[in-house]
PDB file of N, CA and C in Angstrom:
ATOM      1  N   LEU A   1      -6.444  89.121-218.251  1.00  0.00           N
ATOM      2  CA  LEU A   1      -5.388  88.686-219.138  1.00  0.00           C
ATOM      3  C   LEU A   1      -4.053  88.805-218.403  1.00  0.00           C
ATOM      4  N   GLN A   2      -3.313  87.710-218.382  1.00  0.00           N
ATOM      5  CA  GLN A   2      -2.033  87.694-217.679  1.00  0.00           C
ATOM      6  C   GLN A   2      -0.942  87.244-218.647  1.00  0.00           C
ATOM      7  N   PRO A   3       0.045  88.095-218.905  1.00  0.00           N
ATOM      8  CA  PRO A   3       1.098  87.722-219.856  1.00  0.00           C
ATOM      9  C   PRO A   3       1.995  86.616-219.313  1.00  0.00           C
ATOM     10  N   ILE A   4       2.496  85.794-220.236  1.00  0.00           N
ATOM     11  CA  ILE A   4       3.458  84.744-219.898  1.00  0.00           C
ATOM     12  C   ILE A   4       4.731  85.018-220.697  1.00  0.00           C
ATOM     13  N   LEU A   5       5.805  85.271-219.985  1.00  0.00           N
ATOM     14  CA  LEU A   5       7.111  85.521-220.597  1.00  0.00           C
ATOM     15  C   LEU A   5       7.778  84.171-220.850  1.00  0.00           C
ATOM     16  N   VAL A   6       8.090  83.899-222.110  1.00  0.00           N
ATOM     17  CA  VAL A   6       8.675  82.601-222.455  1.00  0.00           C
ATOM     18  C   VAL A   6      10.192  82.705-222.584  1.00  0.00           C
ATOM     19  N   HIS A   7      10.858  81.649-222.221  1.00  0.00           N
ATOM     20  CA  HIS A   7      12.319  81.519-222.308  1.00  0.00           C
ATOM     21  C   HIS A   7      13.093  82.621-221.587  1.00  0.00           C
ATOM     22  N   PRO A   8      12.695  83.045-220.406  1.00  0.00           N
ATOM     23  CA  PRO A   8      13.450  84.117-219.748  1.00  0.00           C
ATOM     24  C   PRO A   8      14.892  83.708-219.452  1.00  0.00           C
ATOM     25  N   GLU A   9      15.127  82.411-219.294  1.00  0.00           N
ATOM     26  CA  GLU A   9      16.470  81.925-218.982  1.00  0.00           C
ATOM     27  C   GLU A   9      17.432  82.082-220.157  1.00  0.00           C
ATOM     28  N   CYS A  10      16.888  82.341-221.347  1.00  0.00           N
ATOM     29  CA  CYS A  10      17.714  82.519-222.548  1.00  0.00           C
ATOM     30  C   CYS A  10      17.822  83.981-222.970  1.00  0.00           C
ATOM     31  N   ASN A  11      17.203  84.870-222.227  1.00  0.00           N
ATOM     32  CA  ASN A  11      17.209  86.292-222.560  1.00  0.00           C
ATOM     33  C   ASN A  11      18.483  86.935-222.018  1.00  0.00           C
ATOM     34  N   SER A  12      19.262  87.558-222.891  1.00  0.00           N
ATOM     35  CA  SER A  12      20.561  88.098-222.470  1.00  0.00           C
ATOM     36  C   SER A  12      20.426  89.159-221.376  1.00  0.00           C
ATOM     37  N   GLY A  13      19.389  89.977-221.436  1.00  0.00           N
ATOM     38  CA  GLY A  13      19.189  90.988-220.398  1.00  0.00           C
ATOM     39  C   GLY A  13      18.905  90.371-219.046  1.00  0.00           C
ATOM     40  N   ILE A  14      18.096  89.313-219.029  1.00  0.00           N
ATOM     41  CA  ILE A  14      17.762  88.631-217.773  1.00  0.00           C
ATOM     42  C   ILE A  14      18.950  87.819-217.274  1.00  0.00           C
ATOM     43  N   ILE A  15      19.718  87.234-218.186  1.00  0.00           N
ATOM     44  CA  ILE A  15      20.921  86.497-217.783  1.00  0.00           C
ATOM     45  C   ILE A  15      21.875  87.432-217.042  1.00  0.00           C
ATOM     46  N   GLU A  16      22.050  88.633-217.566  1.00  0.00           N
ATOM     47  CA  GLU A  16      22.945  89.611-216.937  1.00  0.00           C
ATOM     48  C   GLU A  16      22.364  90.201-215.660  1.00  0.00           C
ATOM     49  N   ASN A  17      21.045  90.362-215.622  1.00  0.00           N
ATOM     50  CA  ASN A  17      20.398  90.991-214.471  1.00  0.00           C
ATOM     51  C   ASN A  17      19.074  90.291-214.165  1.00  0.00           C
ATOM     52  N   PRO A  18      19.113  89.200-213.386  1.00  0.00           N
ATOM     53  CA  PRO A  18      17.893  88.453-213.081  1.00  0.00           C
ATOM     54  C   PRO A  18      16.826  89.263-212.339  1.00  0.00           C
ATOM     55  N   ASP A  19      17.207  90.406-211.770  1.00  0.00           N
ATOM     56  CA  ASP A  19      16.212  91.256-211.100  1.00  0.00           C
ATOM     57  C   ASP A  19      15.148  91.748-212.074  1.00  0.00           C
ATOM     58  N   ILE A  20      15.473  91.800-213.354  1.00  0.00           N
ATOM     59  CA  ILE A  20      14.487  92.188-214.364  1.00  0.00           C
ATOM     60  C   ILE A  20      13.309  91.225-214.314  1.00  0.00           C
ATOM     61  N   LEU A  21      13.608  89.925-214.266  1.00  0.00           N
ATOM     62  CA  LEU A  21      12.543  88.925-214.199  1.00  0.00           C
ATOM     63  C   LEU A  21      11.776  89.053-212.893  1.00  0.00           C
ATOM     64  N   PHE A  22      12.484  89.237-211.792  1.00  0.00           N
ATOM     65  CA  PHE A  22      11.819  89.417-210.496  1.00  0.00           C
ATOM     66  C   PHE A  22      10.814  90.561-210.579  1.00  0.00           C
ATOM     67  N   ASP A  23      11.217  91.680-211.161  1.00  0.00           N
ATOM     68  CA  ASP A  23      10.322  92.836-211.279  1.00  0.00           C
ATOM     69  C   ASP A  23       9.091  92.504-212.122  1.00  0.00           C
ATOM     70  N   PHE A  24       9.283  91.781-213.219  1.00  0.00           N
ATOM     71  CA  PHE A  24       8.139  91.362-214.038  1.00  0.00           C
ATOM     72  C   PHE A  24       7.175  90.489-213.231  1.00  0.00           C
ATOM     73  N   ILE A  25       7.725  89.510-212.509  1.00  0.00           N
ATOM     74  CA  ILE A  25       6.888  88.593-211.731  1.00  0.00           C
ATOM     75  C   ILE A  25       6.135  89.359-210.651  1.00  0.00           C
ATOM     76  N   GLU A  26       6.803  90.287-210.006  1.00  0.00           N
ATOM     77  CA  GLU A  26       6.158  91.115-208.980  1.00  0.00           C
ATOM     78  C   GLU A  26       4.987  91.914-209.556  1.00  0.00           C
ATOM     79  N   GLN A  27       5.049  92.231-210.842  1.00  0.00           N
ATOM     80  CA  GLN A  27       3.989  92.994-211.497  1.00  0.00           C
ATOM     81  C   GLN A  27       2.889  92.094-212.071  1.00  0.00           C
ATOM     82  N   GLY A  28       2.998  90.781-211.842  1.00  0.00           N
ATOM     83  CA  GLY A  28       1.941  89.871-212.272  1.00  0.00           C
ATOM     84  C   GLY A  28       2.211  89.076-213.526  1.00  0.00           C
ATOM     85  N   VAL A  29       3.394  89.236-214.105  1.00  0.00           N
ATOM     86  CA  VAL A  29       3.757  88.458-215.284  1.00  0.00           C
ATOM     87  C   VAL A  29       4.124  87.046-214.830  1.00  0.00           C
ATOM     88  N   LEU A  30       3.729  86.047-215.598  1.00  0.00           N
ATOM     89  CA  LEU A  30       4.139  84.666-215.350  1.00  0.00           C
ATOM     90  C   LEU A  30       5.306  84.358-216.286  1.00  0.00           C
ATOM     91  N   SER A  31       6.073  83.319-215.965  1.00  0.00           N
ATOM     92  CA  SER A  31       7.169  82.956-216.869  1.00  0.00           C
ATOM     93  C   SER A  31       7.209  81.453-217.098  1.00  0.00           C
ATOM     94  N   GLN A  32       7.777  81.108-218.237  1.00  0.00           N
ATOM     95  CA  GLN A  32       7.820  79.719-218.686  1.00  0.00           C
ATOM     96  C   GLN A  32       9.231  79.384-219.150  1.00  0.00           C
ATOM     97  N   ILE A  33       9.872  78.450-218.464  1.00  0.00           N
ATOM     98  CA  ILE A  33      11.197  78.006-218.894  1.00  0.00           C
ATOM     99  C   ILE A  33      11.047  76.824-219.849  1.00  0.00           C
ATOM    100  N   THR A  34      12.111  76.537-220.560  1.00  0.00           N
ATOM    101  CA  THR A  34      12.106  75.484-221.561  1.00  0.00           C
ATOM    102  C   THR A  34      12.679  74.191-220.985  1.00  0.00           C
ATOM    103  N   ALA A  35      12.046  73.081-221.317  1.00  0.00           N
ATOM    104  CA  ALA A  35      12.507  71.775-220.840  1.00  0.00           C
ATOM    105  C   ALA A  35      13.973  71.542-221.201  1.00  0.00           C
ATOM    106  N   SER A  36      14.366  71.938-222.395  1.00  0.00           N
ATOM    107  CA  SER A  36      15.759  71.747-222.821  1.00  0.00           C
ATOM    108  C   SER A  36      16.737  72.560-221.985  1.00  0.00           C
ATOM    109  N   SER A  37      16.272  73.671-221.427  1.00  0.00           N
ATOM    110  CA  SER A  37      17.126  74.452-220.526  1.00  0.00           C
ATOM    111  C   SER A  37      17.342  73.694-219.223  1.00  0.00           C
ATOM    112  N   VAL A  38      16.293  73.059-218.736  1.00  0.00           N
ATOM    113  CA  VAL A  38      16.372  72.274-217.495  1.00  0.00           C
ATOM    114  C   VAL A  38      17.306  71.083-217.677  1.00  0.00           C
ATOM    115  N   THR A  39      17.266  70.461-218.850  1.00  0.00           N
ATOM    116  CA  THR A  39      18.092  69.269-219.079  1.00  0.00           C
ATOM    117  C   THR A  39      19.544  69.600-219.404  1.00  0.00           C
ATOM    118  N   GLY A  40      19.850  70.870-219.634  1.00  0.00           N
ATOM    119  CA  GLY A  40      21.219  71.258-219.947  1.00  0.00           C
ATOM    120  C   GLY A  40      21.528  71.285-221.428  1.00  0.00           C
ATOM    121  N   HIS A  41      20.523  71.101-222.260  1.00  0.00           N
ATOM    122  CA  HIS A  41      20.725  71.084-223.711  1.00  0.00           C
ATOM    123  C   HIS A  41      21.304  72.400-224.231  1.00  0.00           C
ATOM    124  N   PHE A  42      20.977  73.507-223.583  1.00  0.00           N
ATOM    125  CA  PHE A  42      21.477  74.818-224.014  1.00  0.00           C
ATOM    126  C   PHE A  42      22.713  75.250-223.229  1.00  0.00           C
ATOM    127  N   GLY A  43      23.295  74.337-222.470  1.00  0.00           N
ATOM    128  CA  GLY A  43      24.518  74.621-221.726  1.00  0.00           C
ATOM    129  C   GLY A  43      24.290  74.732-220.226  1.00  0.00           C
ATOM    130  N   LYS A  44      25.377  74.598-219.499  1.00  0.00           N
ATOM    131  CA  LYS A  44      25.333  74.608-218.029  1.00  0.00           C
ATOM    132  C   LYS A  44      24.885  75.953-217.468  1.00  0.00           C
ATOM    133  N   LYS A  45      25.298  77.049-218.108  1.00  0.00           N
ATOM    134  CA  LYS A  45      24.938  78.378-217.611  1.00  0.00           C
ATOM    135  C   LYS A  45      23.417  78.572-217.640  1.00  0.00           C
ATOM    136  N   ILE A  46      22.791  78.181-218.749  1.00  0.00           N
ATOM    137  CA  ILE A  46      21.337  78.305-218.883  1.00  0.00           C
ATOM    138  C   ILE A  46      20.649  77.338-217.924  1.00  0.00           C
ATOM    139  N   GLN A  47      21.182  76.136-217.783  1.00  0.00           N
ATOM    140  CA  GLN A  47      20.607  75.163-216.862  1.00  0.00           C
ATOM    141  C   GLN A  47      20.658  75.680-215.426  1.00  0.00           C
ATOM    142  N   LYS A  48      21.798  76.211-215.039  1.00  0.00           N
ATOM    143  CA  LYS A  48      21.960  76.731-213.678  1.00  0.00           C
ATOM    144  C   LYS A  48      20.991  77.884-213.416  1.00  0.00           C
ATOM    145  N   LEU A  49      20.839  78.776-214.382  1.00  0.00           N
ATOM    146  CA  LEU A  49      19.896  79.880-214.221  1.00  0.00           C
ATOM    147  C   LEU A  49      18.465  79.357-214.133  1.00  0.00           C
ATOM    148  N   SER A  50      18.136  78.346-214.917  1.00  0.00           N
ATOM    149  CA  SER A  50      16.804  77.733-214.844  1.00  0.00           C
ATOM    150  C   SER A  50      16.541  77.193-213.444  1.00  0.00           C
ATOM    151  N   PHE A  51      17.536  76.530-212.866  1.00  0.00           N
ATOM    152  CA  PHE A  51      17.395  76.012-211.501  1.00  0.00           C
ATOM    153  C   PHE A  51      17.195  77.150-210.507  1.00  0.00           C
ATOM    154  N   LYS A  52      17.949  78.232-210.673  1.00  0.00           N
ATOM    155  CA  LYS A  52      17.788  79.389-209.778  1.00  0.00           C
ATOM    156  C   LYS A  52      16.384  79.979-209.902  1.00  0.00           C
ATOM    157  N   MET A  53      15.856  80.007-211.119  1.00  0.00           N
ATOM    158  CA  MET A  53      14.501  80.519-211.321  1.00  0.00           C
ATOM    159  C   MET A  53      13.477  79.642-210.612  1.00  0.00           C
ATOM    160  N   ILE A  54      13.672  78.332-210.668  1.00  0.00           N
ATOM    161  CA  ILE A  54      12.774  77.417-209.957  1.00  0.00           C
ATOM    162  C   ILE A  54      12.897  77.649-208.453  1.00  0.00           C
ATOM    163  N   GLU A  55      14.112  77.693-207.951  1.00  0.00           N
ATOM    164  CA  GLU A  55      14.358  77.847-206.512  1.00  0.00           C
ATOM    165  C   GLU A  55      13.813  79.159-205.958  1.00  0.00           C
ATOM    166  N   ASN A  56      13.799  80.197-206.781  1.00  0.00           N
ATOM    167  CA  ASN A  56      13.357  81.517-206.339  1.00  0.00           C
ATOM    168  C   ASN A  56      11.923  81.834-206.769  1.00  0.00           C
ATOM    169  N   HIS A  57      11.203  80.820-207.227  1.00  0.00           N
ATOM    170  CA  HIS A  57       9.785  80.967-207.607  1.00  0.00           C
ATOM    171  C   HIS A  57       9.597  82.024-208.686  1.00  0.00           C
ATOM    172  N   LEU A  58      10.494  82.028-209.653  1.00  0.00           N
ATOM    173  CA  LEU A  58      10.440  83.001-210.737  1.00  0.00           C
ATOM    174  C   LEU A  58       9.953  82.391-212.044  1.00  0.00           C
ATOM    175  N   THR A  59       9.474  81.168-211.993  1.00  0.00           N
ATOM    176  CA  THR A  59       8.899  80.548-213.181  1.00  0.00           C
ATOM    177  C   THR A  59       7.717  79.690-212.774  1.00  0.00           C
ATOM    178  N   HIS A  60       6.769  79.569-213.686  1.00  0.00           N
ATOM    179  CA  HIS A  60       5.496  78.934-213.360  1.00  0.00           C
ATOM    180  C   HIS A  60       5.158  77.763-214.271  1.00  0.00           C
ATOM    181  N   PHE A  61       5.878  77.644-215.379  1.00  0.00           N
ATOM    182  CA  PHE A  61       5.590  76.605-216.366  1.00  0.00           C
ATOM    183  C   PHE A  61       6.889  76.071-216.956  1.00  0.00           C
ATOM    184  N   VAL A  62       6.806  74.834-217.461  1.00  0.00           N
ATOM    185  CA  VAL A  62       7.895  74.242-218.234  1.00  0.00           C
ATOM    186  C   VAL A  62       7.304  73.887-219.591  1.00  0.00           C
ATOM    187  N   ALA A  63       7.942  74.353-220.658  1.00  0.00           N
ATOM    188  CA  ALA A  63       7.443  74.122-222.013  1.00  0.00           C
ATOM    189  C   ALA A  63       8.386  73.220-222.791  1.00  0.00           C
ATOM    190  N   SER A  64       7.837  72.523-223.769  1.00  0.00           N
ATOM    191  CA  SER A  64       8.657  71.627-224.579  1.00  0.00           C
ATOM    192  C   SER A  64       9.548  72.392-225.549  1.00  0.00           C
ATOM    193  N   ASP A  65       9.053  73.454-226.133  1.00  0.00           N
ATOM    194  CA  ASP A  65       9.751  74.202-227.184  1.00  0.00           C
ATOM    195  C   ASP A  65      10.145  73.283-228.337  1.00  0.00           C
ATOM    196  N   ALA A  66       9.387  72.203-228.504  1.00  0.00           N
ATOM    197  CA  ALA A  66       9.675  71.260-229.586  1.00  0.00           C
ATOM    198  C   ALA A  66       9.227  71.856-230.914  1.00  0.00           C
ATOM    199  N   HIS A  67      10.151  71.932-231.834  1.00  0.00           N
ATOM    200  CA  HIS A  67       9.833  72.431-233.166  1.00  0.00           C
ATOM    201  C   HIS A  67       9.587  71.268-234.117  1.00  0.00           C
ATOM    202  N   ASN A  68      10.220  70.140-233.835  1.00  0.00           N
ATOM    203  CA  ASN A  68      10.011  68.911-234.598  1.00  0.00           C
ATOM    204  C   ASN A  68      10.597  67.761-233.785  1.00  0.00           C
ATOM    205  N   VAL A  69      10.532  66.556-234.308  1.00  0.00           N
ATOM    206  CA  VAL A  69      10.990  65.397-233.532  1.00  0.00           C
ATOM    207  C   VAL A  69      12.455  65.042-233.766  1.00  0.00           C
ATOM    208  N   THR A  70      13.145  65.813-234.594  1.00  0.00           N
ATOM    209  CA  THR A  70      14.542  65.484-234.864  1.00  0.00           C
ATOM    210  C   THR A  70      15.512  66.488-234.258  1.00  0.00           C
ATOM    211  N   SER A  71      15.427  67.746-234.658  1.00  0.00           N
ATOM    212  CA  SER A  71      16.435  68.700-234.194  1.00  0.00           C
ATOM    213  C   SER A  71      16.082  69.373-232.873  1.00  0.00           C
ATOM    214  N   ARG A  72      14.814  69.539-232.569  1.00  0.00           N
ATOM    215  CA  ARG A  72      14.411  70.135-231.290  1.00  0.00           C
ATOM    216  C   ARG A  72      13.259  69.315-230.734  1.00  0.00           C
ATOM    217  N   ALA A  73      13.579  68.134-230.304  1.00  0.00           N
ATOM    218  CA  ALA A  73      12.562  67.199-229.837  1.00  0.00           C
ATOM    219  C   ALA A  73      12.101  67.539-228.424  1.00  0.00           C
ATOM    220  N   PHE A  74      11.017  66.893-228.018  1.00  0.00           N
ATOM    221  CA  PHE A  74      10.488  67.054-226.664  1.00  0.00           C
ATOM    222  C   PHE A  74      11.519  66.574-225.643  1.00  0.00           C
ATOM    223  N   LYS A  75      11.626  67.292-224.560  1.00  0.00           N
ATOM    224  CA  LYS A  75      12.508  66.914-223.448  1.00  0.00           C
ATOM    225  C   LYS A  75      11.713  66.943-222.143  1.00  0.00           C
ATOM    226  N   MET A  76      10.386  66.902-222.256  1.00  0.00           N
ATOM    227  CA  MET A  76       9.531  67.091-221.087  1.00  0.00           C
ATOM    228  C   MET A  76       9.740  66.014-220.027  1.00  0.00           C
ATOM    229  N   LYS A  77       9.739  64.752-220.433  1.00  0.00           N
ATOM    230  CA  LYS A  77       9.893  63.668-219.458  1.00  0.00           C
ATOM    231  C   LYS A  77      11.208  63.814-218.699  1.00  0.00           C
ATOM    232  N   GLU A  78      12.278  64.033-219.432  1.00  0.00           N
ATOM    233  CA  GLU A  78      13.598  64.191-218.819  1.00  0.00           C
ATOM    234  C   GLU A  78      13.629  65.413-217.893  1.00  0.00           C
ATOM    235  N   ALA A  79      13.036  66.518-218.348  1.00  0.00           N
ATOM    236  CA  ALA A  79      13.021  67.743-217.533  1.00  0.00           C
ATOM    237  C   ALA A  79      12.248  67.526-216.239  1.00  0.00           C
ATOM    238  N   PHE A  80      11.087  66.899-216.330  1.00  0.00           N
ATOM    239  CA  PHE A  80      10.294  66.682-215.118  1.00  0.00           C
ATOM    240  C   PHE A  80      10.952  65.682-214.174  1.00  0.00           C
ATOM    241  N   GLU A  81      11.699  64.731-214.709  1.00  0.00           N
ATOM    242  CA  GLU A  81      12.460  63.821-213.842  1.00  0.00           C
ATOM    243  C   GLU A  81      13.535  64.591-213.074  1.00  0.00           C
ATOM    244  N   ILE A  82      14.219  65.494-213.757  1.00  0.00           N
ATOM    245  CA  ILE A  82      15.247  66.316-213.101  1.00  0.00           C
ATOM    246  C   ILE A  82      14.615  67.202-212.039  1.00  0.00           C
ATOM    247  N   ILE A  83      13.498  67.843-212.378  1.00  0.00           N
ATOM    248  CA  ILE A  83      12.811  68.720-211.422  1.00  0.00           C
ATOM    249  C   ILE A  83      12.354  67.924-210.208  1.00  0.00           C
ATOM    250  N   GLU A  84      11.767  66.759-210.443  1.00  0.00           N
ATOM    251  CA  GLU A  84      11.295  65.941-209.322  1.00  0.00           C
ATOM    252  C   GLU A  84      12.459  65.458-208.461  1.00  0.00           C
ATOM    253  N   ASP A  85      13.548  65.026-209.084  1.00  0.00           N
ATOM    254  CA  ASP A  85      14.718  64.569-208.325  1.00  0.00           C
ATOM    255  C   ASP A  85      15.348  65.703-207.519  1.00  0.00           C
ATOM    256  N   SER A  86      15.363  66.905-208.079  1.00  0.00           N
ATOM    257  CA  SER A  86      16.023  68.044-207.438  1.00  0.00           C
ATOM    258  C   SER A  86      15.143  68.798-206.455  1.00  0.00           C
ATOM    259  N   TYR A  87      13.843  68.889-206.752  1.00  0.00           N
ATOM    260  CA  TYR A  87      12.960  69.761-205.962  1.00  0.00           C
ATOM    261  C   TYR A  87      11.740  69.056-205.384  1.00  0.00           C
ATOM    262  N   GLY A  88      11.537  67.799-205.748  1.00  0.00           N
ATOM    263  CA  GLY A  88      10.427  67.037-205.195  1.00  0.00           C
ATOM    264  C   GLY A  88       9.220  66.978-206.116  1.00  0.00           C
ATOM    265  N   SER A  89       8.353  66.032-205.811  1.00  0.00           N
ATOM    266  CA  SER A  89       7.182  65.808-206.656  1.00  0.00           C
ATOM    267  C   SER A  89       6.181  66.957-206.586  1.00  0.00           C
ATOM    268  N   ASP A  90       6.121  67.666-205.461  1.00  0.00           N
ATOM    269  CA  ASP A  90       5.184  68.788-205.353  1.00  0.00           C
ATOM    270  C   ASP A  90       5.512  69.885-206.359  1.00  0.00           C
ATOM    271  N   VAL A  91       6.777  70.184-206.539  1.00  0.00           N
ATOM    272  CA  VAL A  91       7.182  71.227-207.491  1.00  0.00           C
ATOM    273  C   VAL A  91       6.904  70.759-208.921  1.00  0.00           C
ATOM    274  N   SER A  92       7.244  69.528-209.206  1.00  0.00           N
ATOM    275  CA  SER A  92       6.982  68.976-210.534  1.00  0.00           C
ATOM    276  C   SER A  92       5.487  69.015-210.843  1.00  0.00           C
ATOM    277  N   ARG A  93       4.690  68.599-209.895  1.00  0.00           N
ATOM    278  CA  ARG A  93       3.234  68.594-210.060  1.00  0.00           C
ATOM    279  C   ARG A  93       2.691  70.017-210.222  1.00  0.00           C
ATOM    280  N   MET A  94       3.264  70.979-209.488  1.00  0.00           N
ATOM    281  CA  MET A  94       2.817  72.366-209.593  1.00  0.00           C
ATOM    282  C   MET A  94       2.964  72.871-211.024  1.00  0.00           C
ATOM    283  N   PHE A  95       4.115  72.599-211.649  1.00  0.00           N
ATOM    284  CA  PHE A  95       4.314  73.026-213.033  1.00  0.00           C
ATOM    285  C   PHE A  95       3.272  72.396-213.957  1.00  0.00           C
ATOM    286  N   GLN A  96       2.997  71.122-213.759  1.00  0.00           N
ATOM    287  CA  GLN A  96       2.020  70.436-214.599  1.00  0.00           C
ATOM    288  C   GLN A  96       0.609  70.974-214.359  1.00  0.00           C
ATOM    289  N   ASN A  97       0.268  71.207-213.102  1.00  0.00           N
ATOM    290  CA  ASN A  97      -1.053  71.756-212.781  1.00  0.00           C
ATOM    291  C   ASN A  97      -1.214  73.171-213.325  1.00  0.00           C
ATOM    292  N   ASN A  98      -0.156  73.969-213.260  1.00  0.00           N
ATOM    293  CA  ASN A  98      -0.226  75.331-213.795  1.00  0.00           C
ATOM    294  C   ASN A  98      -0.493  75.317-215.298  1.00  0.00           C
ATOM    295  N   ALA A  99       0.127  74.394-216.015  1.00  0.00           N
ATOM    296  CA  ALA A  99      -0.106  74.291-217.458  1.00  0.00           C
ATOM    297  C   ALA A  99      -1.572  73.967-217.732  1.00  0.00           C
ATOM    298  N   GLU A 100      -2.114  73.049-216.969  1.00  0.00           N
ATOM    299  CA  GLU A 100      -3.527  72.699-217.131  1.00  0.00           C
ATOM    300  C   GLU A 100      -4.420  73.890-216.786  1.00  0.00           C
ATOM    301  N   SER A 101      -4.056  74.639-215.757  1.00  0.00           N
ATOM    302  CA  SER A 101      -4.842  75.811-215.356  1.00  0.00           C
ATOM    303  C   SER A 101      -4.922  76.848-216.470  1.00  0.00           C
ATOM    304  N   VAL A 102      -3.826  77.051-217.181  1.00  0.00           N
ATOM    305  CA  VAL A 102      -3.830  78.016-218.285  1.00  0.00           C
ATOM    306  C   VAL A 102      -4.793  77.565-219.376  1.00  0.00           C
ATOM    307  N   ILE A 103      -4.747  76.289-219.699  1.00  0.00           N
ATOM    308  CA  ILE A 103      -5.633  75.750-220.731  1.00  0.00           C
ATOM    309  C   ILE A 103      -7.096  75.934-220.335  1.00  0.00           C
ATOM    310  N   LEU A 104      -7.392  75.763-219.053  1.00  0.00           N
ATOM    311  CA  LEU A 104      -8.766  75.885-218.556  1.00  0.00           C
ATOM    312  C   LEU A 104      -9.135  77.317-218.185  1.00  0.00           C
ATOM    313  N   ASN A 105      -8.215  78.261-218.429  1.00  0.00           N
ATOM    314  CA  ASN A 105      -8.430  79.674-218.097  1.00  0.00           C
ATOM    315  C   ASN A 105      -8.694  79.870-216.603  1.00  0.00           C
ATOM    316  N   GLU A 106      -7.941  79.131-215.794  1.00  0.00           N
ATOM    317  CA  GLU A 106      -8.039  79.236-214.337  1.00  0.00           C
ATOM    318  C   GLU A 106      -6.753  79.856-213.792  1.00  0.00           C
ATOM    319  N   SER A 107      -6.795  80.250-212.545  1.00  0.00           N
ATOM    320  CA  SER A 107      -5.604  80.820-211.907  1.00  0.00           C
ATOM    321  C   SER A 107      -4.548  79.745-211.700  1.00  0.00           C
ATOM    322  N   SER A 108      -3.299  80.136-211.853  1.00  0.00           N
ATOM    323  CA  SER A 108      -2.197  79.207-211.613  1.00  0.00           C
ATOM    324  C   SER A 108      -1.659  79.413-210.201  1.00  0.00           C
ATOM    325  N   TYR A 109      -0.978  78.383-209.699  1.00  0.00           N
ATOM    326  CA  TYR A 109      -0.389  78.449-208.363  1.00  0.00           C
ATOM    327  C   TYR A 109       0.915  79.226-208.436  1.00  0.00           C
ATOM    328  N   GLN A 110       1.084  80.160-207.514  1.00  0.00           N
ATOM    329  CA  GLN A 110       2.300  80.967-207.498  1.00  0.00           C
ATOM    330  C   GLN A 110       2.798  81.144-206.073  1.00  0.00           C
ATOM    331  N   GLU A 111       4.071  80.865-205.880  1.00  0.00           N
ATOM    332  CA  GLU A 111       4.737  81.156-204.610  1.00  0.00           C
ATOM    333  C   GLU A 111       5.274  82.582-204.678  1.00  0.00           C
ATOM    334  N   LYS A 112       5.530  83.168-203.522  1.00  0.00           N
ATOM    335  CA  LYS A 112       6.106  84.518-203.492  1.00  0.00           C
ATOM    336  C   LYS A 112       7.516  84.452-204.077  1.00  0.00           C
ATOM    337  N   PRO A 113       7.791  85.253-205.111  1.00  0.00           N
ATOM    338  CA  PRO A 113       9.126  85.217-205.715  1.00  0.00           C
ATOM    339  C   PRO A 113      10.175  85.871-204.823  1.00  0.00           C
ATOM    340  N   THR A 114      11.391  85.428-204.981  1.00  0.00           N
ATOM    341  CA  THR A 114      12.523  86.052-204.300  1.00  0.00           C
ATOM    342  C   THR A 114      13.590  86.360-205.345  1.00  0.00           C
ATOM    343  N   LYS A 115      14.423  87.324-205.041  1.00  0.00           N
ATOM    344  CA  LYS A 115      15.482  87.705-205.974  1.00  0.00           C
ATOM    345  C   LYS A 115      16.579  86.648-205.988  1.00  0.00           C
ATOM    346  N   ILE A 116      17.147  86.445-207.159  1.00  0.00           N
ATOM    347  CA  ILE A 116      18.286  85.544-207.296  1.00  0.00           C
ATOM    348  C   ILE A 116      19.516  86.263-206.768  1.00  0.00           C
ATOM    349  N   LYS A 117      20.190  85.628-205.836  1.00  0.00           N
ATOM    350  CA  LYS A 117      21.426  86.213-205.303  1.00  0.00           C
ATOM    351  C   LYS A 117      22.538  85.978-206.317  1.00  0.00           C
ATOM    352  N   THR A 118      23.193  87.051-206.705  1.00  0.00           N
ATOM    353  CA  THR A 118      24.308  86.939-207.639  1.00  0.00           C
ATOM    354  C   THR A 118      25.612  87.069-206.869  1.00  0.00           C
ATOM    355  N   LYS A 119      26.616  86.358-207.337  1.00  0.00           N
ATOM    356  CA  LYS A 119      27.921  86.411-206.680  1.00  0.00           C
ATOM    357  C   LYS A 119      28.597  87.730-206.995  1.00  0.00           C
ATOM    358  N   LYS A 120      29.187  88.310-205.989  1.00  0.00           N
ATOM    359  CA  LYS A 120      29.899  89.570-206.158  1.00  0.00           C
ATOM    360  C   LYS A 120      31.392  89.291-206.267  1.00  0.00           C
ATOM    361  N   ILE A 121      32.043  90.035-207.116  1.00  0.00           N
ATOM    362  CA  ILE A 121      33.488  89.889-207.292  1.00  0.00           C
ATOM    363  C   ILE A 121      34.187  90.576-206.124  1.00  0.00           C
ATOM    364  N   LEU A 122      34.884  89.795-205.313  1.00  0.00           N
ATOM    365  CA  LEU A 122      35.597  90.297-204.136  1.00  0.00           C
ATOM    366  C   LEU A 122      34.692  91.092-203.198  1.00  0.00           C
ATOM    367  N   GLY A 123      33.387  90.831-203.294  1.00  0.00           N
ATOM    368  CA  GLY A 123      32.438  91.519-202.430  1.00  0.00           C
ATOM    369  C   GLY A 123      32.238  92.982-202.775  1.00  0.00           C
ATOM    370  N   LEU A 124      32.742  93.416-203.928  1.00  0.00           N
ATOM    371  CA  LEU A 124      32.662  94.832-204.294  1.00  0.00           C
ATOM    372  C   LEU A 124      31.532  95.140-205.263  1.00  0.00           C
ATOM    373  N   PHE A 125      31.206  94.218-206.161  1.00  0.00           N
ATOM    374  CA  PHE A 125      30.227  94.506-207.205  1.00  0.00           C
ATOM    375  C   PHE A 125      29.052  93.563-207.134  1.00  0.00           C
TER     376      PHE A 125
END
């Protein structure tokens, strides 16, 4: 049994300290970002963090988080277009294959995670 942490890009603790997510991933937890986060629907800050999570191999799935077709509709096509344009078809395909692997109870593909580098104020903090 392998836990999947959903919406880590929207978690206030992880937003403030992305090393929390890195530690979870290092311990075998998988993570799933939301398509709407990738598209910028939840704002630029969440979108930027989602991109950092992709770049640092800290997420393994992209979810629709669709609650209905009006107020929280699917953004999967748009999200995968952004991922493919930004990171290539291999990364986009990896997310799709990982989703299928979970459904089939198979192992998902995982790259070695790296910590997100945070900007320091005047190099002091």
